[in-house]
Protein backbone atom coordinates (compact mmCIF):
# COMPACT_ATOMS: atom_id res chain seq x y z
CA MET A 1 11.66 25.32 0.05
CA ALA A 2 14.86 24.52 1.92
CA LYS A 3 18.14 26.07 0.82
CA GLY A 4 19.82 23.97 -1.82
CA GLU A 5 16.66 21.95 -2.51
CA ARG A 6 15.84 21.65 -6.20
CA ARG A 7 12.34 22.59 -7.23
CA GLU A 8 10.60 20.02 -9.38
CA PRO A 9 9.43 21.11 -12.87
CA SER A 10 5.83 22.31 -12.98
CA HIS A 11 4.59 19.33 -14.99
CA THR A 12 6.13 16.94 -12.44
CA LEU A 13 4.42 18.76 -9.57
CA ILE A 14 1.09 18.61 -11.40
CA ALA A 15 1.52 14.87 -12.01
CA ARG A 16 2.45 14.34 -8.36
CA ASP A 17 -0.53 16.27 -6.96
CA LEU A 18 -3.02 14.62 -9.31
CA GLY A 19 -1.37 11.23 -8.79
CA ILE A 20 -1.74 11.52 -5.01
CA ALA A 21 -5.37 12.57 -5.42
CA ILE A 22 -6.02 9.52 -7.62
CA VAL A 23 -4.29 6.83 -5.59
CA THR A 24 -5.74 8.11 -2.30
CA GLY A 25 -9.27 7.98 -3.71
CA GLN A 26 -10.05 11.67 -4.16
CA HIS A 27 -10.52 10.92 -7.87
CA PRO A 28 -11.84 7.34 -7.94
CA PRO A 29 -11.58 5.00 -10.93
CA GLY A 30 -14.00 5.97 -13.67
CA SER A 31 -14.20 9.61 -12.61
CA VAL A 32 -13.23 12.50 -14.88
CA ILE A 33 -10.53 14.79 -13.50
CA PRO A 34 -10.60 18.58 -14.08
CA GLY A 35 -9.94 19.70 -17.65
CA GLU A 36 -6.60 20.96 -18.93
CA LEU A 37 -7.77 24.58 -19.07
CA ASP A 38 -9.10 24.46 -15.50
CA ILE A 39 -5.88 22.93 -14.16
CA ALA A 40 -3.76 25.40 -16.12
CA ALA A 41 -5.73 28.36 -14.75
CA ALA A 42 -5.63 27.05 -11.18
CA ARG A 43 -1.88 26.39 -11.32
CA GLY A 44 -0.90 29.45 -13.33
CA VAL A 45 0.82 27.41 -16.02
CA SER A 46 0.38 26.82 -19.73
CA ARG A 47 -1.87 24.12 -21.12
CA SER A 48 1.18 22.35 -22.58
CA VAL A 49 2.65 21.99 -19.08
CA VAL A 50 -0.59 20.40 -17.88
CA ARG A 51 -0.57 18.07 -20.88
CA GLU A 52 2.94 16.93 -20.04
CA GLY A 53 1.88 16.18 -16.46
CA LEU A 54 -1.10 14.16 -17.73
CA ARG A 55 1.19 12.25 -20.07
CA MET A 56 3.25 11.20 -17.05
CA LEU A 57 0.11 9.89 -15.35
CA SER A 58 -0.95 8.11 -18.52
CA ALA A 59 2.43 6.37 -18.75
CA LYS A 60 1.89 5.05 -15.21
CA GLY A 61 -1.51 3.67 -16.20
CA LEU A 62 -3.50 6.06 -14.00
CA VAL A 63 -5.49 8.01 -16.60
CA GLU A 64 -6.60 7.93 -20.21
CA SER A 65 -7.64 10.91 -22.32
CA ARG A 66 -10.31 10.73 -24.99
CA PRO A 67 -11.57 13.43 -27.34
CA LYS A 68 -14.73 15.14 -26.07
CA SER A 69 -14.90 12.99 -22.91
CA GLY A 70 -11.92 14.41 -21.03
CA THR A 71 -9.34 12.62 -18.92
CA ARG A 72 -10.71 9.71 -16.97
CA VAL A 73 -9.13 7.74 -14.11
CA ARG A 74 -8.49 4.16 -15.21
CA GLU A 75 -9.46 1.10 -13.20
CA ARG A 76 -6.98 0.16 -10.48
CA ALA A 77 -6.08 -3.05 -12.32
CA GLN A 78 -4.57 -0.86 -15.07
CA TRP A 79 -2.26 1.07 -12.72
CA ASN A 80 1.47 0.37 -12.73
CA LEU A 81 1.52 -0.34 -9.00
CA LEU A 82 5.26 -1.03 -8.96
CA ASP A 83 6.14 2.39 -10.36
CA PRO A 84 8.39 4.08 -7.74
CA ASP A 85 6.48 7.37 -7.99
CA LEU A 86 3.15 5.62 -7.57
CA LEU A 87 4.42 3.78 -4.49
CA ALA A 88 5.53 7.11 -3.03
CA TRP A 89 2.12 8.66 -3.72
CA MET A 90 0.36 5.73 -2.03
CA PHE A 91 2.21 6.46 1.20
CA GLU A 92 1.42 10.20 1.10
CA GLY A 93 -1.92 9.23 2.58
CA GLU A 94 -2.69 6.09 4.55
CA PRO A 95 -2.37 3.17 2.13
CA PRO A 96 -5.03 0.43 2.34
CA ALA A 97 -3.99 -2.50 4.53
CA THR A 98 -4.59 -4.82 1.58
CA PHE A 99 -2.06 -2.88 -0.50
CA VAL A 100 0.53 -2.96 2.27
CA ARG A 101 0.00 -6.70 2.68
CA SER A 102 0.44 -7.24 -1.06
CA LEU A 103 3.59 -5.13 -1.05
CA PHE A 104 5.17 -7.17 1.73
CA GLN A 105 4.07 -10.42 0.10
CA LEU A 106 5.93 -9.35 -3.03
CA ARG A 107 9.01 -8.47 -1.02
CA MET A 108 8.81 -11.80 0.82
CA ILE A 109 8.77 -13.65 -2.51
CA VAL A 110 11.69 -11.71 -4.01
CA GLU A 111 14.08 -10.59 -1.29
CA PRO A 112 14.84 -13.79 0.69
CA ALA A 113 15.77 -15.59 -2.53
CA ALA A 114 17.81 -12.58 -3.67
CA ALA A 115 19.70 -12.57 -0.36
CA GLU A 116 20.52 -16.26 -0.83
CA MET A 117 21.89 -15.57 -4.29
CA ALA A 118 23.79 -12.50 -3.09
CA ALA A 119 25.50 -14.54 -0.38
CA LEU A 120 26.87 -16.88 -3.03
CA LEU A 121 27.60 -14.39 -5.82
CA ARG A 122 28.48 -11.06 -4.19
CA THR A 123 31.76 -9.34 -5.01
CA ASP A 124 34.10 -7.69 -2.53
CA ASP A 125 33.10 -4.29 -3.91
CA GLN A 126 29.40 -5.02 -3.40
CA LEU A 127 30.09 -6.23 0.13
CA ALA A 128 32.02 -3.04 0.86
CA ARG A 129 29.07 -0.95 -0.37
CA MET A 130 26.68 -2.90 1.84
CA ASP A 131 28.99 -2.25 4.79
CA ALA A 132 29.13 1.46 3.96
CA ALA A 133 25.34 1.57 3.71
CA LEU A 134 25.01 -0.04 7.13
CA ALA A 135 27.39 2.55 8.55
CA GLY A 136 25.27 5.31 7.02
CA MET A 137 22.11 3.85 8.54
CA VAL A 138 23.73 3.81 11.99
CA LEU A 139 25.28 7.26 11.64
CA HIS A 140 22.18 9.07 10.43
CA GLY A 141 19.33 6.91 11.75
CA LEU A 142 16.45 5.54 9.72
CA ASP A 143 14.27 8.52 10.63
CA THR A 144 16.39 10.81 8.41
CA PRO A 145 16.54 11.12 4.60
CA GLU A 146 20.24 10.22 4.70
CA GLY A 147 19.61 7.07 6.72
CA GLN A 148 16.71 6.09 4.47
CA ALA A 149 18.89 6.56 1.38
CA ALA A 150 21.52 4.31 2.96
CA ASP A 151 18.83 1.70 3.68
CA GLN A 152 17.75 1.80 0.03
CA ALA A 153 21.37 1.45 -1.09
CA PHE A 154 21.82 -1.61 1.15
CA HIS A 155 18.82 -3.44 -0.30
CA ASN A 156 19.55 -2.35 -3.88
CA THR A 157 23.12 -3.66 -3.61
CA ILE A 158 21.77 -7.05 -2.50
CA LEU A 159 19.65 -7.19 -5.66
CA GLU A 160 22.64 -6.10 -7.73
CA ALA A 161 24.73 -8.88 -6.16
CA THR A 162 22.38 -11.54 -7.57
CA ASP A 163 23.89 -10.84 -11.00
CA ASN A 164 20.37 -11.25 -12.41
CA GLU A 165 19.30 -8.34 -14.61
CA LEU A 166 15.59 -8.99 -14.08
CA LEU A 167 15.97 -8.88 -10.30
CA VAL A 168 18.13 -5.78 -10.59
CA SER A 169 15.34 -4.17 -12.63
CA LEU A 170 13.13 -4.44 -9.53
CA SER A 171 15.52 -2.31 -7.48
CA GLY A 172 13.59 0.90 -8.17
CA SER A 173 10.35 -0.64 -6.92
CA ILE A 174 11.90 -2.50 -3.98
CA GLY A 175 13.94 0.56 -3.05
CA ALA A 176 10.83 2.74 -3.10
CA ALA A 177 8.99 0.20 -0.95
CA VAL A 178 11.86 0.17 1.56
CA ARG A 179 12.01 3.95 1.73
CA TRP A 180 8.32 4.73 1.96
CA THR A 181 7.39 2.03 4.44
CA THR A 182 10.24 3.31 6.64
CA ILE A 183 9.09 6.91 6.33
CA PHE A 184 5.53 5.82 7.08
CA LYS A 185 6.59 3.94 10.23
CA PHE A 186 8.43 6.97 11.59
CA ARG A 187 5.42 9.29 11.22
CA ASP A 188 4.04 7.98 14.49
CA ARG A 189 5.34 9.09 17.88
CA ARG A 190 5.80 5.45 18.81
CA ARG A 191 9.16 4.39 17.51
CA PRO A 192 9.28 1.21 15.41
CA ARG A 193 11.50 -1.62 16.59
CA ASP A 194 15.20 -1.30 15.86
CA SER A 195 15.87 -3.12 12.59
CA MET A 196 19.63 -2.69 12.69
CA PRO A 197 20.38 -6.04 14.42
CA GLN A 198 18.60 -7.89 11.61
CA HIS A 199 20.30 -5.78 8.95
CA ARG A 200 23.63 -6.60 10.57
CA ARG A 201 22.75 -10.32 10.73
CA LEU A 202 21.86 -10.23 7.04
CA TYR A 203 25.12 -8.49 6.16
CA ASP A 204 27.19 -10.95 8.21
CA ALA A 205 25.52 -13.89 6.46
CA ILE A 206 26.24 -12.44 3.02
CA ALA A 207 29.81 -11.64 4.07
CA SER A 208 30.39 -15.25 5.18
CA ARG A 209 28.56 -16.63 2.10
CA ASP A 210 26.00 -18.31 4.36
CA ALA A 211 23.01 -18.45 2.01
CA PRO A 212 20.47 -20.15 4.36
CA THR A 213 21.12 -17.61 7.14
CA ALA A 214 20.90 -14.72 4.65
CA ARG A 215 17.48 -15.97 3.59
CA ASP A 216 16.31 -16.41 7.18
CA ALA A 217 17.58 -12.96 8.25
CA THR A 218 15.71 -11.36 5.36
CA ILE A 219 12.46 -13.13 6.28
CA VAL A 220 12.70 -11.96 9.90
CA LEU A 221 13.56 -8.41 8.78
CA LEU A 222 10.53 -8.28 6.47
CA GLN A 223 8.18 -9.80 9.05
CA GLN A 224 9.24 -7.18 11.60
CA ALA A 225 8.77 -4.33 9.11
CA HIS A 226 5.33 -5.61 8.10
CA GLU A 227 4.18 -6.00 11.70
CA ASP A 228 5.32 -2.47 12.58
CA THR A 229 3.56 -1.05 9.53
CA GLN A 230 0.35 -2.94 10.30
CA ARG A 231 0.43 -1.73 13.90
CA LEU A 232 0.56 1.86 12.69
CA LEU A 233 -2.30 1.32 10.24
CA GLN A 234 -4.43 -0.16 13.01
CA GLY A 235 -3.74 2.84 15.24
């Protein structure tokens, strides 16, 4: 563990490891995962810690526990696929192309319209935060945690600028999608295309309150990100 890095609580680590195993298919829907006592013994923790980890997975729709039948993985249709943790776990492995396509379809439905609204409704403070996020992306690069955090902040501020609480509530999911697709693209030795020109075009459109151009810039940005992600999945 790197200096200064905070270690996650044991129950969170258990939920993460089991969650990754579930969403990547190691524990398929309908299967029974190891029992609480077995997990506790293997991890060197108490049974209550394991239970807390399983409760986290249950809250995300991944598992259900029944007396005498153990903890079973629920059908995929029951999973909370927009949960930020679950999105992160998906990208720990190689997510199915169908899932990636669905994720970008969702973003294509939400984000161009949000950019249009942001161009018309944004405040000077929100615009300043978008500008600062762009500067952070350039300074650190999108292949670093700092640059990825700045990228998330940029997109989250656009959602915030819509002044629509339901759109803002999607910021955790959209932000996770932005972060993990970016991380995934940079795993390969082949560098993805530079997305900064499109980010800058989007910012300039919002700054000038040009809603149609903000929408168009977002569409091009998402198309480029989807194509780069697909290219990596196809090898």
